[in-house]
C-alpha cells in the first residue's frame, strides 16, 4: 500500500493480525463481523472480530499481480 493509505482487510489480502502477532491471508468475512484467516503457508485457521487490528501487508490484487510477473 502506498502513501500511508489504510484499507480494511478483505478476502485474499495478506495481513498482519496485531492481536495474534502473526501474518495470514483472509479467507472469509462472515456477516461483516468475523474475519477468518489462514497462515501465509500452512492450513491452521483462526479468526478475528477486530478488523481494525488486521494491517494489510499486500492486497489480493498486489499478490496476484506479483505472481504473474
N, C-alpha and C. Protein backbone atom coordinates (compact mmCIF):
# COMPACT_ATOMS: atom_id res chain seq x y z
N UNK A 1 0.85 -1.16 0.00
CA UNK A 1 0.00 0.00 0.00
C UNK A 1 0.90 1.22 0.00
N UNK A 2 0.47 2.26 -0.62
CA UNK A 2 1.33 3.42 -0.79
C UNK A 2 0.86 4.61 0.03
N UNK A 3 1.80 5.47 0.39
CA UNK A 3 1.49 6.76 0.99
C UNK A 3 0.66 6.72 2.25
N UNK A 4 0.83 5.69 3.08
CA UNK A 4 0.10 5.64 4.33
C UNK A 4 -1.38 5.35 4.19
N UNK A 5 -1.80 4.89 3.01
CA UNK A 5 -3.20 4.52 2.82
C UNK A 5 -3.58 3.44 3.81
N UNK A 6 -4.78 3.52 4.35
CA UNK A 6 -5.26 2.47 5.23
C UNK A 6 -6.52 1.89 4.61
N UNK A 7 -6.52 0.59 4.43
CA UNK A 7 -7.62 -0.09 3.77
C UNK A 7 -8.07 -1.23 4.67
N UNK A 8 -9.34 -1.43 4.76
CA UNK A 8 -9.87 -2.54 5.56
C UNK A 8 -9.53 -3.86 4.87
N UNK A 9 -9.08 -4.82 5.67
CA UNK A 9 -8.72 -6.13 5.14
C UNK A 9 -9.93 -6.81 4.51
N UNK A 10 -9.67 -7.54 3.41
CA UNK A 10 -10.74 -8.26 2.73
C UNK A 10 -10.21 -9.57 2.21
N UNK A 11 -11.10 -10.42 1.72
CA UNK A 11 -10.74 -11.76 1.26
C UNK A 11 -9.59 -11.71 0.26
N UNK A 12 -8.59 -12.54 0.50
CA UNK A 12 -7.43 -12.63 -0.37
C UNK A 12 -6.26 -11.75 0.04
N UNK A 13 -6.49 -10.82 0.95
CA UNK A 13 -5.42 -9.93 1.40
C UNK A 13 -4.48 -10.65 2.36
N UNK A 14 -3.20 -10.35 2.25
CA UNK A 14 -2.20 -10.79 3.22
C UNK A 14 -2.17 -9.72 4.30
N UNK A 15 -2.36 -10.13 5.54
CA UNK A 15 -2.46 -9.17 6.64
C UNK A 15 -1.54 -9.58 7.79
N UNK A 16 -1.28 -8.62 8.65
CA UNK A 16 -0.64 -8.91 9.93
C UNK A 16 -1.72 -8.72 10.98
N UNK A 17 -2.04 -9.79 11.70
CA UNK A 17 -3.02 -9.74 12.78
C UNK A 17 -2.28 -9.28 14.03
N UNK A 18 -2.51 -8.05 14.43
CA UNK A 18 -1.78 -7.47 15.55
C UNK A 18 -2.13 -8.15 16.87
N UNK A 19 -3.34 -8.68 17.01
CA UNK A 19 -3.72 -9.37 18.25
C UNK A 19 -3.03 -10.73 18.35
N UNK A 20 -2.98 -11.48 17.26
CA UNK A 20 -2.35 -12.80 17.26
C UNK A 20 -0.85 -12.71 17.00
N UNK A 21 -0.37 -11.54 16.57
CA UNK A 21 1.03 -11.32 16.22
C UNK A 21 1.52 -12.33 15.18
N UNK A 22 0.73 -12.44 14.11
CA UNK A 22 1.11 -13.34 13.01
C UNK A 22 0.51 -12.85 11.70
N UNK A 23 1.14 -13.31 10.62
CA UNK A 23 0.64 -12.96 9.29
C UNK A 23 -0.27 -14.06 8.77
N UNK A 24 -1.25 -13.64 7.97
CA UNK A 24 -2.15 -14.61 7.38
C UNK A 24 -2.90 -14.02 6.22
N UNK A 25 -3.63 -14.88 5.55
CA UNK A 25 -4.44 -14.47 4.40
C UNK A 25 -5.91 -14.58 4.81
N UNK A 26 -6.66 -13.53 4.53
CA UNK A 26 -8.10 -13.53 4.84
C UNK A 26 -8.78 -14.50 3.87
N UNK A 27 -9.47 -15.50 4.42
CA UNK A 27 -10.15 -16.48 3.56
C UNK A 27 -11.65 -16.26 3.49
N UNK A 28 -12.20 -15.55 4.48
CA UNK A 28 -13.65 -15.35 4.50
C UNK A 28 -13.97 -14.18 5.43
N UNK A 29 -15.04 -13.48 5.11
CA UNK A 29 -15.59 -12.46 6.02
C UNK A 29 -17.05 -12.83 6.20
N UNK A 30 -17.40 -13.18 7.42
CA UNK A 30 -18.74 -13.67 7.70
C UNK A 30 -19.59 -12.59 8.36
N UNK A 31 -20.60 -12.17 7.65
CA UNK A 31 -21.54 -11.20 8.19
C UNK A 31 -20.93 -9.85 8.52
N UNK A 32 -19.77 -9.56 7.94
CA UNK A 32 -19.11 -8.29 8.21
C UNK A 32 -18.63 -8.17 9.65
N UNK A 33 -18.60 -9.30 10.38
CA UNK A 33 -18.24 -9.25 11.79
C UNK A 33 -17.15 -10.24 12.19
N UNK A 34 -16.87 -11.23 11.34
CA UNK A 34 -15.88 -12.25 11.67
C UNK A 34 -14.97 -12.47 10.46
N UNK A 35 -13.68 -12.20 10.65
CA UNK A 35 -12.68 -12.40 9.60
C UNK A 35 -11.99 -13.72 9.87
N UNK A 36 -12.02 -14.63 8.88
CA UNK A 36 -11.38 -15.94 9.00
C UNK A 36 -10.05 -15.85 8.26
N UNK A 37 -8.98 -16.32 8.92
CA UNK A 37 -7.64 -16.23 8.35
C UNK A 37 -6.96 -17.59 8.37
N UNK A 38 -5.99 -17.74 7.48
CA UNK A 38 -5.11 -18.91 7.48
C UNK A 38 -3.69 -18.39 7.38
N UNK A 39 -2.71 -19.18 7.81
CA UNK A 39 -1.33 -18.72 7.70
C UNK A 39 -0.94 -18.52 6.24
N UNK A 40 0.05 -17.70 6.04
CA UNK A 40 0.57 -17.48 4.68
C UNK A 40 0.99 -18.83 4.08
N UNK A 41 1.56 -19.69 4.90
CA UNK A 41 1.93 -21.05 4.50
C UNK A 41 1.40 -22.00 5.56
N UNK A 42 0.60 -22.96 5.16
CA UNK A 42 0.05 -23.90 6.11
C UNK A 42 -1.46 -23.92 6.07
N UNK A 43 -2.06 -24.62 7.05
CA UNK A 43 -3.50 -24.82 6.98
C UNK A 43 -4.27 -24.42 8.23
N UNK A 44 -3.61 -24.24 9.36
CA UNK A 44 -4.32 -23.89 10.60
C UNK A 44 -5.05 -22.56 10.42
N UNK A 45 -6.30 -22.49 10.83
CA UNK A 45 -7.10 -21.27 10.68
C UNK A 45 -7.36 -20.63 12.03
N UNK A 46 -7.59 -19.33 12.01
CA UNK A 46 -8.02 -18.60 13.20
C UNK A 46 -8.93 -17.48 12.74
N UNK A 47 -9.54 -16.79 13.67
CA UNK A 47 -10.47 -15.74 13.30
C UNK A 47 -10.22 -14.48 14.11
N UNK A 48 -10.77 -13.39 13.62
CA UNK A 48 -10.67 -12.10 14.29
C UNK A 48 -12.00 -11.38 14.17
N UNK A 49 -12.40 -10.76 15.24
CA UNK A 49 -13.59 -9.92 15.22
C UNK A 49 -13.20 -8.46 15.29
N UNK A 50 -11.92 -8.19 15.08
CA UNK A 50 -11.41 -6.81 15.17
C UNK A 50 -10.65 -6.46 13.88
N UNK A 51 -11.38 -6.14 12.81
CA UNK A 51 -10.71 -5.86 11.54
C UNK A 51 -9.76 -4.67 11.61
N UNK A 52 -9.98 -3.77 12.55
CA UNK A 52 -9.08 -2.62 12.67
C UNK A 52 -7.69 -3.06 13.15
N UNK A 53 -7.58 -4.30 13.67
CA UNK A 53 -6.29 -4.83 14.13
C UNK A 53 -5.62 -5.69 13.06
N UNK A 54 -6.23 -5.78 11.87
CA UNK A 54 -5.65 -6.51 10.74
C UNK A 54 -5.02 -5.49 9.80
N UNK A 55 -3.70 -5.42 9.81
CA UNK A 55 -2.99 -4.45 8.96
C UNK A 55 -2.68 -5.11 7.62
N UNK A 56 -3.18 -4.52 6.54
CA UNK A 56 -2.97 -5.07 5.21
C UNK A 56 -1.49 -4.92 4.82
N UNK A 57 -0.86 -6.06 4.54
CA UNK A 57 0.53 -6.08 4.09
C UNK A 57 0.57 -5.98 2.56
N UNK A 58 -0.25 -6.84 1.91
CA UNK A 58 -0.39 -6.80 0.45
C UNK A 58 -1.82 -7.16 0.11
N UNK A 59 -2.42 -6.38 -0.76
CA UNK A 59 -3.79 -6.67 -1.18
C UNK A 59 -3.81 -7.91 -2.06
N UNK A 60 -4.99 -8.47 -2.23
CA UNK A 60 -5.16 -9.62 -3.13
C UNK A 60 -4.67 -9.28 -4.52
N UNK A 61 -5.03 -8.08 -4.98
CA UNK A 61 -4.64 -7.65 -6.33
C UNK A 61 -3.11 -7.58 -6.47
N UNK A 62 -2.44 -7.06 -5.45
CA UNK A 62 -0.97 -6.99 -5.49
C UNK A 62 -0.36 -8.39 -5.50
N UNK A 63 -0.91 -9.28 -4.70
CA UNK A 63 -0.40 -10.65 -4.66
C UNK A 63 -0.57 -11.33 -6.00
N UNK A 64 -1.73 -11.18 -6.65
CA UNK A 64 -1.97 -11.80 -7.95
C UNK A 64 -1.06 -11.20 -9.02
N UNK A 65 -0.88 -9.90 -8.99
CA UNK A 65 -0.02 -9.25 -9.97
C UNK A 65 1.42 -9.74 -9.83
N UNK A 66 1.90 -9.87 -8.60
CA UNK A 66 3.26 -10.34 -8.36
C UNK A 66 3.46 -11.77 -8.83
N UNK A 67 2.43 -12.60 -8.72
CA UNK A 67 2.55 -13.99 -9.18
C UNK A 67 2.67 -14.06 -10.69
N UNK A 68 2.11 -13.12 -11.41
CA UNK A 68 2.16 -13.12 -12.89
C UNK A 68 3.51 -12.65 -13.41
N UNK A 69 4.18 -11.79 -12.62
CA UNK A 69 5.46 -11.22 -13.09
C UNK A 69 6.60 -12.20 -12.96
